[in-house]
Protein backbone atom coordinates (compact mmCIF):
# COMPACT_ATOMS: atom_id res chain seq x y z
CA UNK A 1 245.71 267.56 133.04
CA UNK A 2 242.10 268.60 132.85
CA UNK A 3 239.13 268.51 135.18
CA UNK A 4 235.90 270.31 135.79
CA UNK A 5 235.26 272.92 138.45
CA UNK A 6 234.93 272.35 142.18
CA UNK A 7 232.57 269.52 143.05
CA UNK A 8 232.80 268.53 139.37
CA UNK A 9 234.55 265.61 137.70
CA UNK A 10 238.12 264.76 136.81
CA UNK A 11 239.45 262.49 134.07
CA UNK A 12 240.58 259.21 135.73
CA UNK A 13 243.68 259.15 133.53
CA UNK A 14 244.62 262.67 134.64
CA UNK A 15 244.12 261.74 138.28
CA UNK A 16 246.24 258.59 137.89
CA UNK A 17 249.03 260.64 136.32
CA UNK A 18 248.83 263.14 139.18
CA UNK A 19 248.97 260.50 141.93
CA UNK A 20 251.86 258.72 140.21
CA UNK A 21 253.75 262.04 140.00
CA UNK A 22 253.23 262.58 143.74
CA UNK A 23 254.56 259.11 144.54
CA UNK A 24 257.44 259.55 142.13
CA UNK A 25 258.41 262.76 143.95
CA UNK A 26 258.74 260.63 147.09
CA UNK A 27 261.16 258.21 145.40
CA UNK A 28 258.66 255.44 144.69
CA UNK A 29 259.99 253.62 141.57
CA UNK A 30 258.10 254.48 138.38
CA UNK A 31 256.34 251.16 137.78
CA UNK A 32 255.36 250.88 141.43
CA UNK A 33 254.10 254.48 141.49
CA UNK A 34 251.91 253.82 138.45
CA UNK A 35 250.59 250.55 139.89
CA UNK A 36 249.62 252.15 143.19
CA UNK A 37 248.17 255.23 141.52
CA UNK A 38 246.06 253.12 139.16
CA UNK A 39 244.82 251.02 142.10
CA UNK A 40 243.87 254.10 144.11
CA UNK A 41 241.96 255.60 141.19
CA UNK A 42 240.35 252.22 140.50
CA UNK A 43 239.01 252.27 144.06
CA UNK A 44 237.29 255.58 143.29
CA UNK A 45 235.98 254.29 139.96
CA UNK A 46 234.27 251.40 141.73
CA UNK A 47 232.83 253.71 144.40
CA UNK A 48 235.22 252.99 147.29
CA UNK A 49 236.10 256.66 147.74
CA UNK A 50 237.07 256.30 151.40
CA UNK A 51 239.91 253.98 150.39
CA UNK A 52 241.07 255.55 147.13
CA UNK A 53 242.72 258.88 146.34
CA UNK A 54 241.31 260.23 149.61
CA UNK A 55 244.13 258.26 151.30
CA UNK A 56 246.92 259.99 149.40
CA UNK A 57 247.65 262.42 152.24
CA UNK A 58 248.27 259.54 154.65
CA UNK A 59 250.54 257.72 152.18
CA UNK A 60 252.50 260.91 151.48
CA UNK A 61 253.06 261.57 155.17
CA UNK A 62 254.32 258.06 155.84
CA UNK A 63 256.61 258.02 152.80
CA UNK A 64 257.95 261.46 153.71
CA UNK A 65 258.63 260.55 157.34
CA UNK A 66 260.01 257.06 156.75
CA UNK A 67 257.11 255.01 158.11
CA UNK A 68 256.61 253.46 154.66
CA UNK A 69 259.52 252.37 152.45
CA UNK A 70 259.45 253.95 148.99
CA UNK A 71 261.55 251.40 147.10
CA UNK A 72 260.15 248.23 148.65
CA UNK A 73 260.39 244.73 147.18
CA UNK A 74 257.57 242.45 148.39
CA UNK A 75 258.65 238.82 148.30
CA UNK A 76 257.24 235.33 148.87
CA UNK A 77 259.11 234.13 151.97
CA UNK A 78 257.39 230.77 152.54
CA UNK A 79 255.10 228.55 150.49
CA UNK A 80 253.52 225.17 149.90
CA UNK A 81 251.47 223.95 146.97
CA UNK A 82 248.39 225.76 148.23
CA UNK A 83 249.71 228.45 150.58
CA UNK A 84 252.24 231.26 150.74
CA UNK A 85 253.42 234.05 153.00
CA UNK A 86 254.50 237.38 151.52
CA UNK A 87 256.60 240.00 153.28
CA UNK A 88 255.60 243.44 152.01
CA UNK A 89 259.02 244.95 152.88
CA UNK A 90 257.13 247.84 154.52
CA UNK A 91 256.18 249.24 151.12
CA UNK A 92 252.94 250.74 149.88
CA UNK A 93 250.42 248.05 150.73
CA UNK A 94 248.90 247.74 147.27
CA UNK A 95 252.10 246.20 145.89
CA UNK A 96 252.20 243.22 148.26
CA UNK A 97 248.45 242.69 147.91
CA UNK A 98 248.68 242.57 144.12
CA UNK A 99 251.44 239.97 144.45
CA UNK A 100 249.32 238.05 146.97
CA UNK A 101 246.34 238.07 144.61
CA UNK A 102 248.37 236.79 141.67
CA UNK A 103 249.96 234.12 143.85
CA UNK A 104 246.63 232.95 145.28
CA UNK A 105 245.07 232.68 141.83
CA UNK A 106 248.06 230.75 140.49
CA UNK A 107 247.97 228.26 143.36
CA UNK A 108 244.20 227.80 143.08
CA UNK A 109 244.60 226.98 139.39
CA UNK A 110 246.81 224.03 140.27
CA UNK A 111 245.87 223.07 143.83
CA UNK A 112 242.21 224.13 143.83
CA UNK A 113 242.80 226.53 146.71
CA UNK A 114 245.35 229.29 147.20
CA UNK A 115 245.70 231.02 150.58
CA UNK A 116 248.30 233.77 150.87
CA UNK A 117 249.12 235.62 154.07
CA UNK A 118 250.85 239.02 154.09
CA UNK A 119 252.98 240.63 156.77
CA UNK A 120 255.30 243.64 156.89
CA UNK A 121 252.75 245.59 154.88
CA UNK A 122 250.76 248.82 154.98
CA UNK A 123 247.26 250.06 154.15
CA UNK A 124 246.30 248.74 150.72
CA UNK A 125 242.95 250.31 149.81
CA UNK A 126 239.68 248.37 149.52
CA UNK A 127 239.86 244.60 149.73
CA UNK A 128 237.30 244.34 146.94
CA UNK A 129 240.04 245.13 144.43
CA UNK A 130 241.89 241.97 145.44
CA UNK A 131 238.96 239.53 145.28
CA UNK A 132 237.35 240.88 142.12
CA UNK A 133 240.18 239.51 139.92
CA UNK A 134 239.31 236.06 141.22
CA UNK A 135 235.68 236.43 140.25
CA UNK A 136 236.82 237.70 136.85
CA UNK A 137 238.64 234.38 136.41
CA UNK A 138 235.63 232.35 137.51
CA UNK A 139 236.93 231.75 141.04
CA UNK A 140 235.61 232.62 144.46
CA UNK A 141 237.75 234.98 146.51
CA UNK A 142 238.19 235.93 150.15
CA UNK A 143 240.34 238.62 151.74
CA UNK A 144 240.68 240.25 155.14
CA UNK A 145 242.99 242.68 156.90
CA UNK A 146 244.01 243.88 160.31
CA UNK A 147 242.91 247.51 160.49
CA UNK A 148 245.58 250.21 160.19
CA UNK A 149 244.76 251.61 163.63
CA UNK A 150 242.88 250.41 166.70
CA UNK A 151 239.43 251.98 166.95
CA UNK A 152 237.47 249.22 168.71
CA UNK A 153 237.54 247.71 172.22
CA UNK A 154 236.54 244.16 173.05
CA UNK A 155 232.80 243.82 173.63
CA UNK A 156 232.25 245.19 177.11
CA UNK A 157 235.77 246.63 177.25
CA UNK A 158 237.07 250.18 177.01
CA UNK A 159 240.64 249.74 175.71
CA UNK A 160 241.18 250.09 171.96
CA UNK A 161 242.76 246.79 170.89
CA UNK A 162 241.09 246.00 167.55
CA UNK A 163 240.69 247.74 164.23
CA UNK A 164 237.80 247.92 161.80
CA UNK A 165 239.27 244.67 160.41
CA UNK A 166 237.53 244.49 157.02
CA UNK A 167 236.60 241.40 155.04
CA UNK A 168 235.70 240.94 151.38
CA UNK A 169 234.11 238.01 149.54
CA UNK A 170 233.56 237.56 145.81
CA UNK A 171 231.60 234.76 144.15
CA UNK A 172 231.01 234.71 140.38
CA UNK A 173 227.58 234.00 138.92
CA UNK A 174 226.55 233.10 135.39
CA UNK A 175 225.47 236.02 133.18
CA UNK A 176 225.55 238.69 135.87
CA UNK A 177 227.98 240.69 138.01
CA UNK A 178 229.57 238.67 140.81
CA UNK A 179 228.44 238.78 144.39
CA UNK A 180 230.97 241.18 145.91
CA UNK A 181 230.86 242.05 149.59
CA UNK A 182 233.42 244.41 151.10
CA UNK A 183 232.72 245.55 154.63
CA UNK A 184 234.27 246.64 157.89
CA UNK A 185 233.43 244.70 161.03
CA UNK A 186 232.31 247.99 162.57
CA UNK A 187 229.01 249.77 161.86
CA UNK A 188 230.97 252.31 159.81
CA UNK A 189 234.53 252.24 158.54
CA UNK A 190 237.11 254.67 159.87
CA UNK A 191 237.46 255.96 156.32
CA UNK A 192 233.81 257.02 156.20
CA UNK A 193 234.25 258.95 159.41
CA UNK A 194 237.40 260.62 158.07
CA UNK A 195 235.58 261.71 154.92
CA UNK A 196 232.72 263.18 156.95
CA UNK A 197 235.26 265.11 159.03
CA UNK A 198 236.88 266.43 155.85
CA UNK A 199 233.48 267.51 154.52
CA UNK A 200 232.36 269.07 157.80
CA UNK A 201 229.36 266.73 158.09
CA UNK A 202 227.97 264.98 161.17
CA UNK A 203 227.82 261.21 161.49
CA UNK A 204 224.66 259.33 162.49
CA UNK A 205 224.10 258.05 166.00
CA UNK A 206 225.06 254.42 166.33
CA UNK A 207 228.43 254.67 164.58
CA UNK A 208 230.47 255.71 167.63
CA UNK A 209 230.15 256.27 171.35
CA UNK A 210 232.32 258.34 173.67
CA UNK A 211 234.22 256.98 176.66
CA UNK A 212 231.08 257.66 178.70
CA UNK A 213 229.01 255.42 176.41
CA UNK A 214 226.99 258.36 175.02
CA UNK A 215 226.52 258.69 171.23
CA UNK A 216 229.28 260.58 169.43
CA UNK A 217 228.26 262.37 166.22
CA UNK A 218 231.09 264.82 165.56
CA UNK A 219 233.56 262.98 163.29
CA UNK A 220 236.34 265.40 164.27
CA UNK A 221 236.12 263.95 167.79
CA UNK A 222 236.77 260.41 166.58
CA UNK A 223 239.84 260.06 168.80
CA UNK A 224 237.66 260.61 171.88
CA UNK A 225 235.51 257.53 171.39
CA UNK A 226 235.02 254.00 170.06
CA UNK A 227 233.72 252.64 166.79
CA UNK A 228 230.91 250.17 167.41
CA UNK A 229 231.16 246.62 166.04
CA UNK A 230 228.38 245.27 163.85
CA UNK A 231 226.00 243.10 165.84
CA UNK A 232 227.61 243.83 169.19
CA UNK A 233 229.51 240.75 170.44
CA UNK A 234 229.20 239.05 167.03
CA UNK A 235 231.05 241.86 165.27
CA UNK A 236 233.67 241.86 168.00
CA UNK A 237 234.14 238.12 167.55
CA UNK A 238 234.49 238.48 163.77
CA UNK A 239 237.04 241.31 164.16
CA UNK A 240 239.06 239.15 166.55
CA UNK A 241 238.91 236.18 164.18
CA UNK A 242 240.31 238.36 161.37
CA UNK A 243 243.06 239.69 163.66
CA UNK A 244 244.13 236.11 164.33
CA UNK A 245 243.93 234.92 160.72
CA UNK A 246 245.39 238.01 159.02
CA UNK A 247 247.70 239.09 161.84
CA UNK A 248 248.84 236.35 164.20
CA UNK A 249 248.97 233.69 161.47
CA UNK A 250 251.35 235.83 159.40
CA UNK A 251 253.54 237.36 162.11
CA UNK A 252 251.90 240.77 161.61
CA UNK A 253 250.90 243.35 164.21
CA UNK A 254 247.85 242.83 166.42
CA UNK A 255 246.49 244.39 169.60
CA UNK A 256 248.87 246.80 171.33
CA UNK A 257 251.51 246.32 168.61
CA UNK A 258 249.29 247.87 165.90
CA UNK A 259 250.65 251.21 164.68
CA UNK A 260 248.20 254.03 163.92
CA UNK A 261 249.35 254.71 160.37
CA UNK A 262 247.69 258.14 160.30
CA UNK A 263 249.18 259.57 163.47
CA UNK A 264 252.46 257.64 163.61
CA UNK A 265 254.09 258.36 160.27
CA UNK A 266 257.63 257.26 161.14
CA UNK A 267 257.21 253.72 162.51
CA UNK A 268 256.81 250.57 160.42
CA UNK A 269 253.22 249.34 160.64
CA UNK A 270 253.68 245.60 159.95
CA UNK A 271 250.09 245.41 158.72
CA UNK A 272 248.72 241.92 158.07
CA UNK A 273 246.30 240.73 155.41
CA UNK A 274 245.33 237.51 153.70
CA UNK A 275 243.94 236.68 150.28
CA UNK A 276 242.40 233.33 149.30
CA UNK A 277 241.25 232.03 145.92
CA UNK A 278 239.06 228.99 145.38
CA UNK A 279 238.67 227.22 142.05
CA UNK A 280 235.02 226.31 141.53
CA UNK A 281 235.96 223.12 139.71
CA UNK A 282 237.65 221.87 142.89
CA UNK A 283 234.21 221.75 144.51
CA UNK A 284 232.03 220.49 141.68
CA UNK A 285 231.00 221.33 138.14
CA UNK A 286 231.90 224.99 137.68
CA UNK A 287 229.03 225.74 135.28
CA UNK A 288 226.51 224.28 137.73
CA UNK A 289 227.91 226.37 140.58
CA UNK A 290 227.84 229.54 138.46
CA UNK A 291 224.25 228.85 137.40
CA UNK A 292 223.12 228.17 140.95
CA UNK A 293 224.75 231.36 142.20
CA UNK A 294 222.92 233.30 139.49
CA UNK A 295 219.62 231.60 140.37
CA UNK A 296 219.94 232.45 144.06
CA UNK A 297 220.81 236.10 143.33
CA UNK A 298 217.86 236.37 140.92
CA UNK A 299 215.46 234.89 143.47
CA UNK A 300 216.60 237.38 146.08
CA UNK A 301 216.25 240.31 143.68
CA UNK A 302 212.73 239.18 142.77
CA UNK A 303 211.64 238.66 146.38
CA UNK A 304 208.94 240.78 148.02
CA UNK A 305 210.09 243.89 149.87
CA UNK A 306 209.15 245.60 153.11
CA UNK A 307 207.42 249.00 153.01
CA UNK A 308 209.92 251.73 152.23
CA UNK A 309 212.26 249.46 150.25
CA UNK A 310 212.18 249.66 146.46
CA UNK A 311 214.00 246.41 145.73
CA UNK A 312 216.33 243.80 147.15
CA UNK A 313 219.89 244.35 145.98
CA UNK A 314 222.84 242.00 145.74
CA UNK A 315 226.14 243.36 147.09
CA UNK A 316 228.31 244.53 144.21
CA UNK A 317 225.60 244.35 141.55
CA UNK A 318 225.29 248.10 141.07
CA UNK A 319 229.00 248.90 141.09
CA UNK A 320 229.53 247.94 137.44
CA UNK A 321 227.11 250.70 136.40
CA UNK A 322 228.88 253.20 138.62
CA UNK A 323 232.25 252.13 137.23
CA UNK A 324 231.04 252.57 133.66
CA UNK A 325 229.61 256.02 134.37
CA UNK A 326 232.78 257.24 136.02
CA UNK A 327 234.98 255.90 133.25
CA UNK A 328 232.86 257.66 130.66
CA UNK A 329 232.08 260.89 132.51
CA UNK A 330 234.91 261.32 134.98
CA UNK A 331 235.34 260.94 138.72
CA UNK A 332 233.54 263.25 141.16
CA UNK A 333 236.08 265.42 142.96
CA UNK A 334 234.81 267.35 145.96
CA UNK A 335 236.27 270.76 146.67
CA UNK A 336 237.65 269.70 150.06
CA UNK A 337 239.58 266.79 148.51
CA UNK A 338 240.81 269.04 145.71
CA UNK A 339 242.25 271.41 148.31
CA UNK A 340 244.12 268.51 149.92
CA UNK A 341 245.49 267.41 146.53
CA UNK A 342 246.51 270.99 145.73
CA UNK A 343 248.33 271.23 149.06
CA UNK A 344 250.17 267.99 148.32
CA UNK A 345 251.13 269.24 144.86
CA UNK A 346 252.57 272.45 146.30
CA UNK A 347 254.49 270.52 148.96
CA UNK A 348 255.96 268.12 146.40
CA UNK A 349 256.70 270.76 143.79
CA UNK A 350 254.53 269.27 141.05
CA UNK A 351 251.68 270.63 138.92
CA UNK A 352 248.22 270.71 140.44
CA UNK A 353 245.21 269.18 138.74
CA UNK A 354 244.26 271.92 136.31
CA UNK A 355 240.72 273.31 136.32
CA UNK A 356 238.91 273.20 132.98
């Protein structure tokens, strides 16, 4: 394996091989290890670093301590023409979510809509990776998840009963990258705060408050405070809606039953997600819808800006450029993450990522 020096770049193929070797050392079957490794590296390629290889330490700890099942077999346990429920068998979350994505697309191709709920699962990386395949097939996609730990109280409350509960939406458009939104329902995701803590950087005011309501800017003190929902009560309401649709609807954990997958590495998490695919032709002429989506995005990009803003951007539009650059020139690998990966390699008795 080859990579550049600290804070340099690493070959995505080398990094995928490394992650797969780590998972293999923890008894994850070969094909599953390669699928999860490729998905984690893909997250980094598309710029979702907080949900890619950065998460390897958490996955290793849960596999090592029994919280996540290494040789899991996600299965469809209930279905209709347009819906399904998948039990992730407490495996690495990416596996059940890939199955859910394929199932949703297949059902949308025949029924017009495919909605697939997931239970018995674990953290699965960025939701964008599960709606983008729908856009690639000319479909709209929607996905959401119950967060893998509770970081948020109800609006006006002080007890942590909700997660960052992310949501992703993809809509294809003619002749341009799809609209692709992937966001937490909090001002900042827990992953962003974890990466700042790893880097030794402060977080801005407005991301978190302490139990006293005062701003909290030290990411290493995350456990002492609350993440703030976007838009106050509106973000709280959206997080609760996702908990009900991705959790309660599927028989997955919500509220006090949610397991903190970082700090509790031995207990099954029963994380819930859902994925939905919508065939454009079920709603009208697909070419007309694609053209109108492109027109709207173009109008927004051409619209006048406020002082201090260079241009209006469409969510997801710039990620294709980033993906291309990282495929061609390698993935950035910060020294602090390299140290974590080196520690994991030593623990698992495998080769570290070699320095060029």
